[in-house]
Protein backbone atom coordinates (compact mmCIF):
# COMPACT_ATOMS: atom_id res chain seq x y z
CA MET A 1 -6.15 -41.63 1.85
CA GLU A 2 -9.33 -43.20 0.47
CA GLN A 3 -11.53 -40.60 2.28
CA LEU A 4 -9.36 -37.82 0.86
CA ALA A 5 -9.86 -39.08 -2.75
CA GLU A 6 -13.46 -39.52 -2.17
CA PHE A 7 -13.82 -36.05 -0.70
CA ILE A 8 -12.09 -34.59 -3.80
CA SER A 9 -14.09 -36.33 -6.29
CA ASN A 10 -17.37 -35.59 -4.44
CA HIS A 11 -16.43 -31.89 -3.85
CA ALA A 12 -14.27 -31.13 -7.03
CA LEU A 13 -15.55 -27.51 -7.33
CA LEU A 14 -14.96 -26.72 -3.76
CA VAL A 15 -11.38 -28.29 -3.96
CA ILE A 16 -10.52 -26.24 -7.01
CA THR A 17 -11.78 -23.07 -5.52
CA PHE A 18 -9.75 -23.71 -2.36
CA VAL A 19 -6.58 -24.39 -4.38
CA ALA A 20 -7.29 -21.27 -6.63
CA LEU A 21 -7.70 -18.98 -3.60
CA SER A 22 -4.87 -20.31 -1.94
CA GLY A 23 -2.50 -19.86 -4.82
CA ALA A 24 -3.86 -16.20 -4.98
CA LEU A 25 -3.16 -15.63 -1.53
CA ILE A 26 0.45 -16.95 -1.78
CA TRP A 27 1.06 -14.98 -4.87
CA ASN A 28 -0.28 -11.93 -3.00
CA ILE A 29 1.93 -12.44 0.11
CA PHE A 30 5.16 -13.43 -1.50
CA PHE A 31 5.29 -12.09 -5.04
CA ASP A 32 3.34 -8.90 -5.32
CA PRO A 33 5.79 -6.08 -5.61
CA VAL A 34 3.60 -3.66 -3.55
CA ASN A 35 3.45 -6.13 -0.60
CA LYS A 36 7.24 -6.57 -0.79
CA ALA A 37 7.83 -2.80 -0.74
CA ALA A 38 5.34 -2.13 2.20
CA VAL A 39 6.82 -0.39 5.27
CA ASP A 40 5.53 0.04 8.56
CA ALA A 41 5.14 3.37 10.29
CA LEU A 42 8.62 3.24 11.88
CA GLN A 43 10.57 2.18 8.82
CA SER A 44 8.67 5.12 6.94
CA THR A 45 10.04 7.56 9.40
CA ALA A 46 13.47 6.30 8.72
CA LEU A 47 12.98 6.56 4.97
CA ILE A 48 11.69 10.25 5.52
CA ASN A 49 14.46 11.20 7.93
CA HIS A 50 17.50 9.63 6.64
CA ASN A 51 16.68 9.16 2.88
CA ASP A 52 14.81 12.28 2.13
CA GLY A 53 11.59 10.18 1.58
CA ILE A 54 8.51 11.91 0.61
CA MET A 55 5.02 11.00 2.00
CA VAL A 56 2.19 10.95 -0.41
CA ASP A 57 -1.37 10.74 1.00
CA VAL A 58 -4.18 9.48 -1.40
CA ARG A 59 -6.98 10.09 1.06
CA SER A 60 -9.66 12.66 0.16
CA ILE A 61 -9.02 16.24 0.99
CA ALA A 62 -11.51 16.16 3.91
CA GLU A 63 -9.80 12.90 5.34
CA PHE A 64 -6.36 14.76 4.87
CA ASN A 65 -7.44 17.76 6.71
CA LYS A 66 -8.54 15.84 9.66
CA GLY A 67 -4.95 14.70 10.16
CA HIS A 68 -2.08 14.00 8.10
CA VAL A 69 1.82 13.45 8.27
CA VAL A 70 3.83 16.47 8.52
CA ASN A 71 4.75 17.81 5.10
CA ALA A 72 2.82 14.97 3.35
CA ILE A 73 1.58 15.79 -0.29
CA ASN A 74 -2.26 15.17 -0.70
CA ILE A 75 -3.12 13.64 -4.18
CA PRO A 76 -6.63 11.82 -3.77
CA LEU A 77 -6.71 8.54 -5.42
CA ASN A 78 -9.91 9.45 -7.51
CA GLY A 79 -7.57 11.95 -9.45
CA PHE A 80 -4.16 10.35 -8.90
CA ALA A 81 -3.44 9.03 -12.44
CA LYS A 82 -3.94 12.75 -13.92
CA GLN A 83 -1.85 14.41 -10.98
CA MET A 84 0.93 11.96 -10.76
CA GLN A 85 3.31 14.33 -12.63
CA GLN A 86 3.37 16.30 -9.51
CA LEU A 87 5.82 13.64 -8.19
CA GLU A 88 8.15 13.59 -11.21
CA LYS A 89 10.75 15.79 -9.12
CA TYR A 90 10.71 13.16 -6.52
CA LYS A 91 11.49 10.05 -8.95
CA ASP A 92 14.81 9.40 -7.47
CA LYS A 93 13.79 9.67 -3.68
CA PRO A 94 11.75 7.12 -1.68
CA ILE A 95 8.03 7.81 -2.04
CA ILE A 96 5.67 6.42 0.87
CA VAL A 97 2.19 6.21 -0.02
CA ALA A 98 -0.56 6.19 2.66
CA CYS A 99 -4.26 6.20 3.01
CA ARG A 100 -6.39 5.23 6.00
CA SER A 101 -5.68 1.62 6.12
CA GLY A 102 -3.30 0.72 3.36
CA SER A 103 -5.63 -0.48 0.49
CA ARG A 104 -6.13 2.60 -1.49
CA SER A 105 -2.50 3.39 -1.21
CA ALA A 106 -1.54 -0.02 -2.79
CA MET A 107 -3.44 0.84 -5.77
CA ALA A 108 -1.46 4.25 -5.94
CA CYS A 109 1.76 2.27 -5.51
CA LYS A 110 0.97 0.03 -8.55
CA MET A 111 0.40 3.04 -10.60
CA LEU A 112 3.55 4.88 -9.60
CA MET A 113 5.72 1.56 -10.42
CA LYS A 114 3.94 1.32 -13.68
CA ALA A 115 5.01 5.05 -14.32
CA GLY A 116 8.73 4.22 -13.65
CA PHE A 117 9.14 5.15 -10.07
CA ARG A 118 11.53 2.77 -8.47
CA ASP A 119 11.53 3.42 -4.85
CA VAL A 120 7.87 3.18 -3.93
CA HIS A 121 6.60 1.98 -0.45
CA ASN A 122 3.18 1.28 0.81
CA LEU A 123 2.47 2.42 4.42
CA ARG A 124 1.42 -0.92 5.88
CA GLY A 125 -1.79 -0.30 7.96
CA GLY A 126 -1.94 3.29 6.75
CA MET A 127 -2.77 6.33 8.78
CA MET A 128 -4.40 4.11 11.45
CA ALA A 129 -0.97 2.45 12.03
CA TRP A 130 0.71 5.74 11.95
CA GLN A 131 -1.41 7.00 14.74
CA SER A 132 -1.22 3.62 16.74
CA ALA A 133 2.47 4.08 16.70
CA GLY A 134 1.99 7.39 18.35
CA LEU A 135 3.61 9.23 15.75
CA PRO A 136 2.64 13.03 15.17
CA ILE A 137 -0.03 14.16 12.64
CA LYS A 138 -0.77 17.69 11.72
CA ARG A 139 -4.41 18.98 11.46
CA LYS A 140 -5.58 21.79 9.16
């Protein structure tokens, strides 16, 4: 116990940084609404097939054309805030947002939640997880 107290007093900045980062990580995992609403590829297919869910792909047009979920709507993240009104007619349906790996789509999910969309889900792992699960994609 003495060694711990000595370590903390000698390395206060390091300990404070560790505690802050640990707290942020715990917040992100357990309390962030986007992480709570994340779904994997199989769960998203259930939302699409059984609950009339809509897939929104926020990748660039070039990425989208290389392969996307059938019937997905492409709204690139760089213009997402301005084009979000396209989704108003789906406000009462589950919306699954996808990108390549799941990070860009998390930002889009936050924008949708702020705009009043209630049933928003981030595709955990993005299109990489979708393809890894062996689910079909459409190429233009």
